[in-house]
Amino acid sequence: MFKGVLDGQACSWNKSLPTWESCYMQILQARQFSGGPRSRATHWKQTVLYLEDVLTICEGETIIGSMTVAPNKKNPRDVDIMVKYSLSGRRCVVSRVQFYKMR
């Protein structure tokens, strides 16, 4: 589940969700890998998921949602992504489900 809170003095407009993958594995010893912007560079990539709505979020408001990622049934090298999000703010009220395919 993702949750975003704007800490600022004014309203902001959001049109996309930046995403990356991080994982933690423990086989013989703990290992952690991340493609995040604050992590050491790896071959893992970041991507941006563009939203159908422009979300106007003001100080103290919260975007709430979830993301599901699964291999595509026809081509397991492709990834199907479903994003659900909602915002009930002073300037923007929206609830939506969007689908993406990453190749």
PDB file of N, CA and C in Angstrom:
ATOM      1  N   MET A   1       0.857  -1.169   0.000  1.00  0.00           N
ATOM      2  CA  MET A   1       0.000   0.000   0.000  1.00  0.00           C
ATOM      3  C   MET A   1       0.898   1.225   0.000  1.00  0.00           C
ATOM      4  N   PHE A   2       0.516   2.216  -0.761  1.00  0.00           N
ATOM      5  CA  PHE A   2       1.274   3.460  -0.729  1.00  0.00           C
ATOM      6  C   PHE A   2       0.406   4.540  -0.112  1.00  0.00           C
ATOM      7  N   LYS A   3       1.061   5.500   0.462  1.00  0.00           N
ATOM      8  CA  LYS A   3       0.349   6.609   1.093  1.00  0.00           C
ATOM      9  C   LYS A   3       1.240   7.826   0.975  1.00  0.00           C
ATOM     10  N   GLY A   4       0.699   8.923   0.512  1.00  0.00           N
ATOM     11  CA  GLY A   4       1.491  10.134   0.360  1.00  0.00           C
ATOM     12  C   GLY A   4       0.892  11.285   1.122  1.00  0.00           C
ATOM     13  N   VAL A   5       1.737  12.030   1.776  1.00  0.00           N
ATOM     14  CA  VAL A   5       1.299  13.208   2.519  1.00  0.00           C
ATOM     15  C   VAL A   5       2.150  14.383   2.073  1.00  0.00           C
ATOM     16  N   LEU A   6       1.520  15.475   1.712  1.00  0.00           N
ATOM     17  CA  LEU A   6       2.241  16.677   1.310  1.00  0.00           C
ATOM     18  C   LEU A   6       2.544  17.518   2.536  1.00  0.00           C
ATOM     19  N   ASP A   7       3.818  17.784   2.742  1.00  0.00           N
ATOM     20  CA  ASP A   7       4.228  18.674   3.832  1.00  0.00           C
ATOM     21  C   ASP A   7       4.680  19.982   3.212  1.00  0.00           C
ATOM     22  N   GLY A   8       3.804  20.916   3.112  1.00  0.00           N
ATOM     23  CA  GLY A   8       4.156  22.188   2.510  1.00  0.00           C
ATOM     24  C   GLY A   8       3.231  23.292   2.970  1.00  0.00           C
ATOM     25  N   GLN A   9       3.444  24.468   2.433  1.00  0.00           N
ATOM     26  CA  GLN A   9       2.646  25.623   2.815  1.00  0.00           C
ATOM     27  C   GLN A   9       1.536  25.918   1.812  1.00  0.00           C
ATOM     28  N   ALA A  10       1.600  25.313   0.633  1.00  0.00           N
ATOM     29  CA  ALA A  10       0.630  25.627  -0.416  1.00  0.00           C
ATOM     30  C   ALA A  10       0.156  24.337  -1.070  1.00  0.00           C
ATOM     31  N   CYS A  11      -0.717  24.457  -2.045  1.00  0.00           N
ATOM     32  CA  CYS A  11      -1.215  23.299  -2.782  1.00  0.00           C
ATOM     33  C   CYS A  11      -0.216  22.886  -3.856  1.00  0.00           C
ATOM     34  N   SER A  12      -0.284  21.625  -4.224  1.00  0.00           N
ATOM     35  CA  SER A  12       0.601  21.069  -5.232  1.00  0.00           C
ATOM     36  C   SER A  12      -0.236  20.249  -6.206  1.00  0.00           C
ATOM     37  N   TRP A  13       0.253  20.090  -7.430  1.00  0.00           N
ATOM     38  CA  TRP A  13      -0.451  19.322  -8.455  1.00  0.00           C
ATOM     39  C   TRP A  13       0.360  18.087  -8.774  1.00  0.00           C
ATOM     40  N   ASN A  14      -0.270  16.924  -8.702  1.00  0.00           N
ATOM     41  CA  ASN A  14       0.387  15.658  -8.989  1.00  0.00           C
ATOM     42  C   ASN A  14      -0.264  15.020 -10.207  1.00  0.00           C
ATOM     43  N   LYS A  15       0.557  14.624 -11.180  1.00  0.00           N
ATOM     44  CA  LYS A  15       0.066  13.981 -12.393  1.00  0.00           C
ATOM     45  C   LYS A  15       0.668  12.593 -12.570  1.00  0.00           C
ATOM     46  N   SER A  16       1.568  12.187 -11.657  1.00  0.00           N
ATOM     47  CA  SER A  16       2.225  10.897 -11.829  1.00  0.00           C
ATOM     48  C   SER A  16       2.676  10.333 -10.490  1.00  0.00           C
ATOM     49  N   LEU A  17       3.000   9.036 -10.511  1.00  0.00           N
ATOM     50  CA  LEU A  17       3.553   8.361  -9.346  1.00  0.00           C
ATOM     51  C   LEU A  17       4.918   7.801  -9.730  1.00  0.00           C
ATOM     52  N   PRO A  18       5.996   8.302  -9.163  1.00  0.00           N
ATOM     53  CA  PRO A  18       7.298   7.680  -9.420  1.00  0.00           C
ATOM     54  C   PRO A  18       7.360   6.351  -8.666  1.00  0.00           C
ATOM     55  N   THR A  19       7.900   5.327  -9.299  1.00  0.00           N
ATOM     56  CA  THR A  19       7.952   4.005  -8.675  1.00  0.00           C
ATOM     57  C   THR A  19       9.321   3.376  -8.863  1.00  0.00           C
ATOM     58  N   TRP A  20       9.674   2.498  -7.944  1.00  0.00           N
ATOM     59  CA  TRP A  20      10.889   1.701  -8.049  1.00  0.00           C
ATOM     60  C   TRP A  20      10.687   0.443  -7.230  1.00  0.00           C
ATOM     61  N   GLU A  21      11.598  -0.480  -7.404  1.00  0.00           N
ATOM     62  CA  GLU A  21      11.494  -1.774  -6.733  1.00  0.00           C
ATOM     63  C   GLU A  21      12.612  -1.922  -5.716  1.00  0.00           C
ATOM     64  N   SER A  22      12.259  -2.421  -4.565  1.00  0.00           N
ATOM     65  CA  SER A  22      13.232  -2.779  -3.536  1.00  0.00           C
ATOM     66  C   SER A  22      12.877  -4.172  -3.042  1.00  0.00           C
ATOM     67  N   CYS A  23      13.877  -4.958  -2.709  1.00  0.00           N
ATOM     68  CA  CYS A  23      13.583  -6.286  -2.176  1.00  0.00           C
ATOM     69  C   CYS A  23      14.584  -6.641  -1.087  1.00  0.00           C
ATOM     70  N   TYR A  24      14.166  -7.534  -0.227  1.00  0.00           N
ATOM     71  CA  TYR A  24      14.988  -8.013   0.870  1.00  0.00           C
ATOM     72  C   TYR A  24      14.966  -9.534   0.811  1.00  0.00           C
ATOM     73  N   MET A  25      16.120 -10.172   0.798  1.00  0.00           N
ATOM     74  CA  MET A  25      16.202 -11.630   0.746  1.00  0.00           C
ATOM     75  C   MET A  25      17.125 -12.108   1.856  1.00  0.00           C
ATOM     76  N   GLN A  26      16.782 -13.245   2.422  1.00  0.00           N
ATOM     77  CA  GLN A  26      17.673 -13.854   3.399  1.00  0.00           C
ATOM     78  C   GLN A  26      17.828 -15.317   3.016  1.00  0.00           C
ATOM     79  N   ILE A  27      18.981 -15.649   2.425  1.00  0.00           N
ATOM     80  CA  ILE A  27      19.276 -17.031   2.061  1.00  0.00           C
ATOM     81  C   ILE A  27      20.317 -17.522   3.075  1.00  0.00           C
ATOM     82  N   LEU A  28      21.574 -17.244   2.834  1.00  0.00           N
ATOM     83  CA  LEU A  28      22.607 -17.542   3.829  1.00  0.00           C
ATOM     84  C   LEU A  28      22.856 -16.328   4.716  1.00  0.00           C
ATOM     85  N   GLN A  29      22.717 -15.166   4.129  1.00  0.00           N
ATOM     86  CA  GLN A  29      22.820 -13.926   4.877  1.00  0.00           C
ATOM     87  C   GLN A  29      21.865 -12.909   4.256  1.00  0.00           C
ATOM     88  N   ALA A  30      21.550 -11.889   5.011  1.00  0.00           N
ATOM     89  CA  ALA A  30      20.579 -10.895   4.550  1.00  0.00           C
ATOM     90  C   ALA A  30      21.159 -10.081   3.388  1.00  0.00           C
ATOM     91  N   ARG A  31      20.334  -9.861   2.368  1.00  0.00           N
ATOM     92  CA  ARG A  31      20.693  -9.038   1.219  1.00  0.00           C
ATOM     93  C   ARG A  31      19.529  -8.108   0.924  1.00  0.00           C
ATOM     94  N   GLN A  32      19.859  -6.892   0.559  1.00  0.00           N
ATOM     95  CA  GLN A  32      18.831  -5.928   0.206  1.00  0.00           C
ATOM     96  C   GLN A  32      19.247  -5.217  -1.068  1.00  0.00           C
ATOM     97  N   PHE A  33      18.320  -5.094  -2.019  1.00  0.00           N
ATOM     98  CA  PHE A  33      18.557  -4.424  -3.283  1.00  0.00           C
ATOM     99  C   PHE A  33      17.474  -3.376  -3.478  1.00  0.00           C
ATOM    100  N   SER A  34      17.838  -2.259  -4.081  1.00  0.00           N
ATOM    101  CA  SER A  34      16.853  -1.212  -4.326  1.00  0.00           C
ATOM    102  C   SER A  34      17.191  -0.459  -5.601  1.00  0.00           C
ATOM    103  N   GLY A  35      16.156  -0.088  -6.312  1.00  0.00           N
ATOM    104  CA  GLY A  35      16.306   0.788  -7.473  1.00  0.00           C
ATOM    105  C   GLY A  35      15.861   2.198  -7.142  1.00  0.00           C
ATOM    106  N   GLY A  36      15.732   2.474  -5.860  1.00  0.00           N
ATOM    107  CA  GLY A  36      15.237   3.763  -5.394  1.00  0.00           C
ATOM    108  C   GLY A  36      16.199   4.902  -5.668  1.00  0.00           C
ATOM    109  N   PRO A  37      15.697   6.122  -5.675  1.00  0.00           N
ATOM    110  CA  PRO A  37      16.520   7.287  -6.009  1.00  0.00           C
ATOM    111  C   PRO A  37      17.615   7.592  -4.985  1.00  0.00           C
ATOM    112  N   ARG A  38      17.489   7.101  -3.771  1.00  0.00           N
ATOM    113  CA  ARG A  38      18.509   7.367  -2.748  1.00  0.00           C
ATOM    114  C   ARG A  38      19.464   6.189  -2.561  1.00  0.00           C
ATOM    115  N   SER A  39      19.341   5.172  -3.416  1.00  0.00           N
ATOM    116  CA  SER A  39      20.183   3.984  -3.307  1.00  0.00           C
ATOM    117  C   SER A  39      21.310   4.029  -4.327  1.00  0.00           C
ATOM    118  N   ARG A  40      22.323   3.186  -4.089  1.00  0.00           N
ATOM    119  CA  ARG A  40      23.423   3.058  -5.036  1.00  0.00           C
ATOM    120  C   ARG A  40      22.881   2.567  -6.380  1.00  0.00           C
ATOM    121  N   ALA A  41      23.438   3.034  -7.470  1.00  0.00           N
ATOM    122  CA  ALA A  41      22.958   2.679  -8.808  1.00  0.00           C
ATOM    123  C   ALA A  41      23.071   1.170  -9.051  1.00  0.00           C
ATOM    124  N   THR A  42      22.027   0.595  -9.633  1.00  0.00           N
ATOM    125  CA  THR A  42      22.008  -0.813 -10.028  1.00  0.00           C
ATOM    126  C   THR A  42      21.429  -0.893 -11.433  1.00  0.00           C
ATOM    127  N   HIS A  43      21.294  -2.120 -11.944  1.00  0.00           N
ATOM    128  CA  HIS A  43      20.647  -2.297 -13.241  1.00  0.00           C
ATOM    129  C   HIS A  43      19.128  -2.204 -13.116  1.00  0.00           C
ATOM    130  N   TRP A  44      18.608  -2.193 -11.900  1.00  0.00           N
ATOM    131  CA  TRP A  44      17.175  -2.027 -11.691  1.00  0.00           C
ATOM    132  C   TRP A  44      16.794  -0.587 -12.027  1.00  0.00           C
ATOM    133  N   LYS A  45      15.646  -0.425 -12.586  1.00  0.00           N
ATOM    134  CA  LYS A  45      15.228   0.891 -13.077  1.00  0.00           C
ATOM    135  C   LYS A  45      14.068   1.452 -12.271  1.00  0.00           C
ATOM    136  N   GLN A  46      13.842   2.724 -12.458  1.00  0.00           N
ATOM    137  CA  GLN A  46      12.695   3.426 -11.900  1.00  0.00           C
ATOM    138  C   GLN A  46      11.747   3.717 -13.055  1.00  0.00           C
ATOM    139  N   THR A  47      10.502   3.962 -12.760  1.00  0.00           N
ATOM    140  CA  THR A  47       9.550   4.336 -13.800  1.00  0.00           C
ATOM    141  C   THR A  47       8.545   5.331 -13.224  1.00  0.00           C
ATOM    142  N   VAL A  48       7.809   5.953 -14.105  1.00  0.00           N
ATOM    143  CA  VAL A  48       6.774   6.906 -13.716  1.00  0.00           C
ATOM    144  C   VAL A  48       5.446   6.401 -14.270  1.00  0.00           C
ATOM    145  N   LEU A  49       4.446   6.311 -13.422  1.00  0.00           N
ATOM    146  CA  LEU A  49       3.100   5.931 -13.837  1.00  0.00           C
ATOM    147  C   LEU A  49       2.266   7.213 -13.899  1.00  0.00           C
ATOM    148  N   TYR A  50       1.858   7.588 -15.110  1.00  0.00           N
ATOM    149  CA  TYR A  50       1.078   8.808 -15.281  1.00  0.00           C
ATOM    150  C   TYR A  50      -0.383   8.549 -14.928  1.00  0.00           C
ATOM    151  N   LEU A  51      -0.988   9.497 -14.218  1.00  0.00           N
ATOM    152  CA  LEU A  51      -2.369   9.383 -13.768  1.00  0.00           C
ATOM    153  C   LEU A  51      -3.312  10.028 -14.771  1.00  0.00           C
ATOM    154  N   GLU A  52      -4.532   9.510 -14.837  1.00  0.00           N
ATOM    155  CA  GLU A  52      -5.547  10.111 -15.703  1.00  0.00           C
ATOM    156  C   GLU A  52      -6.006  11.460 -15.154  1.00  0.00           C
ATOM    157  N   ASP A  53      -5.903  11.624 -13.853  1.00  0.00           N
ATOM    158  CA  ASP A  53      -6.347  12.854 -13.192  1.00  0.00           C
ATOM    159  C   ASP A  53      -5.150  13.690 -12.764  1.00  0.00           C
ATOM    160  N   VAL A  54      -5.326  14.993 -12.740  1.00  0.00           N
ATOM    161  CA  VAL A  54      -4.366  15.865 -12.073  1.00  0.00           C
ATOM    162  C   VAL A  54      -4.878  16.028 -10.648  1.00  0.00           C
ATOM    163  N   LEU A  55      -4.086  15.579  -9.678  1.00  0.00           N
ATOM    164  CA  LEU A  55      -4.507  15.618  -8.288  1.00  0.00           C
ATOM    165  C   LEU A  55      -3.997  16.898  -7.635  1.00  0.00           C
ATOM    166  N   THR A  56      -4.905  17.717  -7.159  1.00  0.00           N
ATOM    167  CA  THR A  56      -4.529  18.914  -6.412  1.00  0.00           C
ATOM    168  C   THR A  56      -4.601  18.543  -4.948  1.00  0.00           C
ATOM    169  N   ILE A  57      -3.438  18.499  -4.315  1.00  0.00           N
ATOM    170  CA  ILE A  57      -3.353  18.085  -2.918  1.00  0.00           C
ATOM    171  C   ILE A  57      -2.816  19.252  -2.094  1.00  0.00           C
ATOM    172  N   CYS A  58      -3.503  19.566  -1.017  1.00  0.00           N
ATOM    173  CA  CYS A  58      -3.120  20.681  -0.155  1.00  0.00           C
ATOM    174  C   CYS A  58      -2.480  20.175   1.127  1.00  0.00           C
ATOM    175  N   GLU A  59      -1.872  21.078   1.852  1.00  0.00           N
ATOM    176  CA  GLU A  59      -1.176  20.738   3.091  1.00  0.00           C
ATOM    177  C   GLU A  59      -2.067  19.923   4.012  1.00  0.00           C
ATOM    178  N   GLY A  60      -1.517  18.811   4.513  1.00  0.00           N
ATOM    179  CA  GLY A  60      -2.238  17.966   5.451  1.00  0.00           C
ATOM    180  C   GLY A  60      -3.151  16.944   4.804  1.00  0.00           C
ATOM    181  N   GLU A  61      -3.358  17.002   3.502  1.00  0.00           N
ATOM    182  CA  GLU A  61      -4.203  16.033   2.814  1.00  0.00           C
ATOM    183  C   GLU A  61      -3.387  14.808   2.421  1.00  0.00           C
ATOM    184  N   THR A  62      -4.093  13.696   2.160  1.00  0.00           N
ATOM    185  CA  THR A  62      -3.427  12.427   1.922  1.00  0.00           C
ATOM    186  C   THR A  62      -3.997  11.736   0.686  1.00  0.00           C
ATOM    187  N   ILE A  63      -3.115  11.249  -0.170  1.00  0.00           N
ATOM    188  CA  ILE A  63      -3.498  10.356  -1.263  1.00  0.00           C
ATOM    189  C   ILE A  63      -3.338   8.940  -0.720  1.00  0.00           C
ATOM    190  N   ILE A  64      -4.394   8.143  -0.821  1.00  0.00           N
ATOM    191  CA  ILE A  64      -4.351   6.765  -0.312  1.00  0.00           C
ATOM    192  C   ILE A  64      -4.620   5.825  -1.475  1.00  0.00           C
ATOM    193  N   GLY A  65      -3.888   4.718  -1.517  1.00  0.00           N
ATOM    194  CA  GLY A  65      -4.119   3.769  -2.586  1.00  0.00           C
ATOM    195  C   GLY A  65      -3.318   2.505  -2.426  1.00  0.00           C
ATOM    196  N   SER A  66      -3.373   1.684  -3.464  1.00  0.00           N
ATOM    197  CA  SER A  66      -2.622   0.439  -3.472  1.00  0.00           C
ATOM    198  C   SER A  66      -2.162   0.142  -4.895  1.00  0.00           C
ATOM    199  N   MET A  67      -1.140  -0.687  -4.993  1.00  0.00           N
ATOM    200  CA  MET A  67      -0.594  -1.078  -6.290  1.00  0.00           C
ATOM    201  C   MET A  67      -0.399  -2.591  -6.289  1.00  0.00           C
ATOM    202  N   THR A  68      -0.850  -3.236  -7.374  1.00  0.00           N
ATOM    203  CA  THR A  68      -0.659  -4.670  -7.556  1.00  0.00           C
ATOM    204  C   THR A  68       0.202  -4.874  -8.789  1.00  0.00           C
ATOM    205  N   VAL A  69       1.245  -5.695  -8.664  1.00  0.00           N
ATOM    206  CA  VAL A  69       2.156  -5.983  -9.769  1.00  0.00           C
ATOM    207  C   VAL A  69       2.190  -7.491  -9.953  1.00  0.00           C
ATOM    208  N   ALA A  70       1.981  -7.967 -11.206  1.00  0.00           N
ATOM    209  CA  ALA A  70       1.969  -9.407 -11.476  1.00  0.00           C
ATOM    210  C   ALA A  70       2.502  -9.666 -12.880  1.00  0.00           C
ATOM    211  N   PRO A  71       3.094 -10.849 -13.107  1.00  0.00           N
ATOM    212  CA  PRO A  71       3.524 -11.208 -14.462  1.00  0.00           C
ATOM    213  C   PRO A  71       2.305 -11.285 -15.386  1.00  0.00           C
ATOM    214  N   ASN A  72       2.472 -10.857 -16.619  1.00  0.00           N
ATOM    215  CA  ASN A  72       1.420 -10.949 -17.621  1.00  0.00           C
ATOM    216  C   ASN A  72       1.180 -12.421 -17.952  1.00  0.00           C
ATOM    217  N   LYS A  73      -0.077 -12.823 -18.115  1.00  0.00           N
ATOM    218  CA  LYS A  73      -0.401 -14.234 -18.363  1.00  0.00           C
ATOM    219  C   LYS A  73       0.067 -14.722 -19.725  1.00  0.00           C
ATOM    220  N   LYS A  74       0.081 -13.842 -20.734  1.00  0.00           N
ATOM    221  CA  LYS A  74       0.517 -14.248 -22.074  1.00  0.00           C
ATOM    222  C   LYS A  74       2.030 -14.200 -22.226  1.00  0.00           C
ATOM    223  N   ASN A  75       2.663 -13.212 -21.603  1.00  0.00           N
ATOM    224  CA  ASN A  75       4.113 -13.069 -21.696  1.00  0.00           C
ATOM    225  C   ASN A  75       4.653 -12.785 -20.292  1.00  0.00           C
ATOM    226  N   PRO A  76       5.259 -13.783 -19.633  1.00  0.00           N
ATOM    227  CA  PRO A  76       5.710 -13.588 -18.254  1.00  0.00           C
ATOM    228  C   PRO A  76       6.842 -12.570 -18.106  1.00  0.00           C
ATOM    229  N   ARG A  77       7.425 -12.116 -19.221  1.00  0.00           N
ATOM    230  CA  ARG A  77       8.441 -11.064 -19.134  1.00  0.00           C
ATOM    231  C   ARG A  77       7.804  -9.679 -19.043  1.00  0.00           C
ATOM    232  N   ASP A  78       6.520  -9.577 -19.394  1.00  0.00           N
ATOM    233  CA  ASP A  78       5.769  -8.334 -19.225  1.00  0.00           C
ATOM    234  C   ASP A  78       5.175  -8.304 -17.817  1.00  0.00           C
ATOM    235  N   VAL A  79       4.893  -7.115 -17.338  1.00  0.00           N
ATOM    236  CA  VAL A  79       4.330  -6.955 -16.002  1.00  0.00           C
ATOM    237  C   VAL A  79       3.028  -6.165 -16.103  1.00  0.00           C
ATOM    238  N   ASP A  80       1.980  -6.684 -15.477  1.00  0.00           N
ATOM    239  CA  ASP A  80       0.706  -5.975 -15.386  1.00  0.00           C
ATOM    240  C   ASP A  80       0.649  -5.252 -14.046  1.00  0.00           C
ATOM    241  N   ILE A  81       0.267  -3.988 -14.091  1.00  0.00           N
ATOM    242  CA  ILE A  81       0.218  -3.155 -12.884  1.00  0.00           C
ATOM    243  C   ILE A  81      -1.189  -2.578 -12.744  1.00  0.00           C
ATOM    244  N   MET A  82      -1.742  -2.672 -11.544  1.00  0.00           N
ATOM    245  CA  MET A  82      -3.030  -2.047 -11.245  1.00  0.00           C
ATOM    246  C   MET A  82      -2.806  -1.076 -10.091  1.00  0.00           C
ATOM    247  N   VAL A  83      -3.231   0.166 -10.269  1.00  0.00           N
ATOM    248  CA  VAL A  83      -3.107   1.194  -9.237  1.00  0.00           C
ATOM    249  C   VAL A  83      -4.508   1.684  -8.879  1.00  0.00           C
ATOM    250  N   LYS A  84      -4.809   1.648  -7.596  1.00  0.00           N
ATOM    251  CA  LYS A  84      -6.050   2.225  -7.067  1.00  0.00           C
ATOM    252  C   LYS A  84      -5.646   3.405  -6.206  1.00  0.00           C
ATOM    253  N   TYR A  85      -6.308   4.542  -6.388  1.00  0.00           N
ATOM    254  CA  TYR A  85      -5.986   5.694  -5.550  1.00  0.00           C
ATOM    255  C   TYR A  85      -7.223   6.526  -5.296  1.00  0.00           C
ATOM    256  N   SER A  86      -7.187   7.247  -4.193  1.00  0.00           N
ATOM    257  CA  SER A  86      -8.290   8.156  -3.879  1.00  0.00           C
ATOM    258  C   SER A  86      -7.748   9.350  -3.104  1.00  0.00           C
ATOM    259  N   LEU A  87      -8.423  10.451  -3.286  1.00  0.00           N
ATOM    260  CA  LEU A  87      -8.108  11.690  -2.594  1.00  0.00           C
ATOM    261  C   LEU A  87      -9.423  12.396  -2.317  1.00  0.00           C
ATOM    262  N   SER A  88      -9.626  12.779  -1.099  1.00  0.00           N
ATOM    263  CA  SER A  88     -10.814  13.540  -0.726  1.00  0.00           C
ATOM    264  C   SER A  88     -10.329  14.826  -0.076  1.00  0.00           C
ATOM    265  N   GLY A  89     -10.018  15.800  -0.922  1.00  0.00           N
ATOM    266  CA  GLY A  89      -9.428  17.036  -0.438  1.00  0.00           C
ATOM    267  C   GLY A  89     -10.326  18.234  -0.631  1.00  0.00           C
ATOM    268  N   ARG A  90      -9.799  19.382  -0.283  1.00  0.00           N
ATOM    269  CA  ARG A  90     -10.566  20.630  -0.418  1.00  0.00           C
ATOM    270  C   ARG A  90     -10.760  21.011  -1.879  1.00  0.00           C
ATOM    271  N   ARG A  91      -9.744  20.766  -2.709  1.00  0.00           N
ATOM    272  CA  ARG A  91      -9.810  21.173  -4.115  1.00  0.00           C
ATOM    273  C   ARG A  91      -9.950  20.014  -5.084  1.00  0.00           C
ATOM    274  N   CYS A  92      -9.851  18.776  -4.593  1.00  0.00           N
ATOM    275  CA  CYS A  92      -9.887  17.621  -5.490  1.00  0.00           C
ATOM    276  C   CYS A  92     -10.494  16.433  -4.756  1.00  0.00           C
ATOM    277  N   VAL A  93     -11.500  15.816  -5.378  1.00  0.00           N
ATOM    278  CA  VAL A  93     -12.085  14.579  -4.876  1.00  0.00           C
ATOM    279  C   VAL A  93     -12.078  13.589  -6.024  1.00  0.00           C
ATOM    280  N   VAL A  94     -11.370  12.472  -5.849  1.00  0.00           N
ATOM    281  CA  VAL A  94     -11.253  11.492  -6.925  1.00  0.00           C
ATOM    282  C   VAL A  94     -11.033  10.106  -6.330  1.00  0.00           C
ATOM    283  N   SER A  95     -11.541   9.093  -7.019  1.00  0.00           N
ATOM    284  CA  SER A  95     -11.290   7.695  -6.686  1.00  0.00           C
ATOM    285  C   SER A  95     -11.223   6.947  -8.014  1.00  0.00           C
ATOM    286  N   ARG A  96     -10.110   6.279  -8.278  1.00  0.00           N
ATOM    287  CA  ARG A  96      -9.923   5.693  -9.601  1.00  0.00           C
ATOM    288  C   ARG A  96      -9.077   4.427  -9.519  1.00  0.00           C
ATOM    289  N   VAL A  97      -9.279   3.546 -10.515  1.00  0.00           N
ATOM    290  CA  VAL A  97      -8.440   2.369 -10.743  1.00  0.00           C
ATOM    291  C   VAL A  97      -7.846   2.516 -12.135  1.00  0.00           C
ATOM    292  N   GLN A  98      -6.530   2.356 -12.251  1.00  0.00           N
ATOM    293  CA  GLN A  98      -5.850   2.441 -13.544  1.00  0.00           C
ATOM    294  C   GLN A  98      -5.008   1.197 -13.753  1.00  0.00           C
ATOM    295  N   PHE A  99      -4.882   0.783 -15.039  1.00  0.00           N
ATOM    296  CA  PHE A  99      -4.116  -0.390 -15.415  1.00  0.00           C
ATOM    297  C   PHE A  99      -2.971   0.001 -16.334  1.00  0.00           C
ATOM    298  N   TYR A 100      -1.824  -0.648 -16.148  1.00  0.00           N
ATOM    299  CA  TYR A 100      -0.632  -0.395 -16.954  1.00  0.00           C
ATOM    300  C   TYR A 100      -0.026  -1.732 -17.349  1.00  0.00           C
ATOM    301  N   LYS A 101       0.701  -1.743 -18.461  1.00  0.00           N
ATOM    302  CA  LYS A 101       1.498  -2.908 -18.857  1.00  0.00           C
ATOM    303  C   LYS A 101       2.925  -2.434 -19.066  1.00  0.00           C
ATOM    304  N   MET A 102       3.861  -3.060 -18.374  1.00  0.00           N
ATOM    305  CA  MET A 102       5.282  -2.705 -18.519  1.00  0.00           C
ATOM    306  C   MET A 102       5.974  -3.813 -19.309  1.00  0.00           C
ATOM    307  N   ARG A 103       6.688  -3.412 -20.339  1.00  0.00           N
ATOM    308  CA  ARG A 103       7.403  -4.386 -21.161  1.00  0.00           C
ATOM    309  C   ARG A 103       8.880  -4.257 -20.975  1.00  0.00           C
TER     310      ARG A 103
END
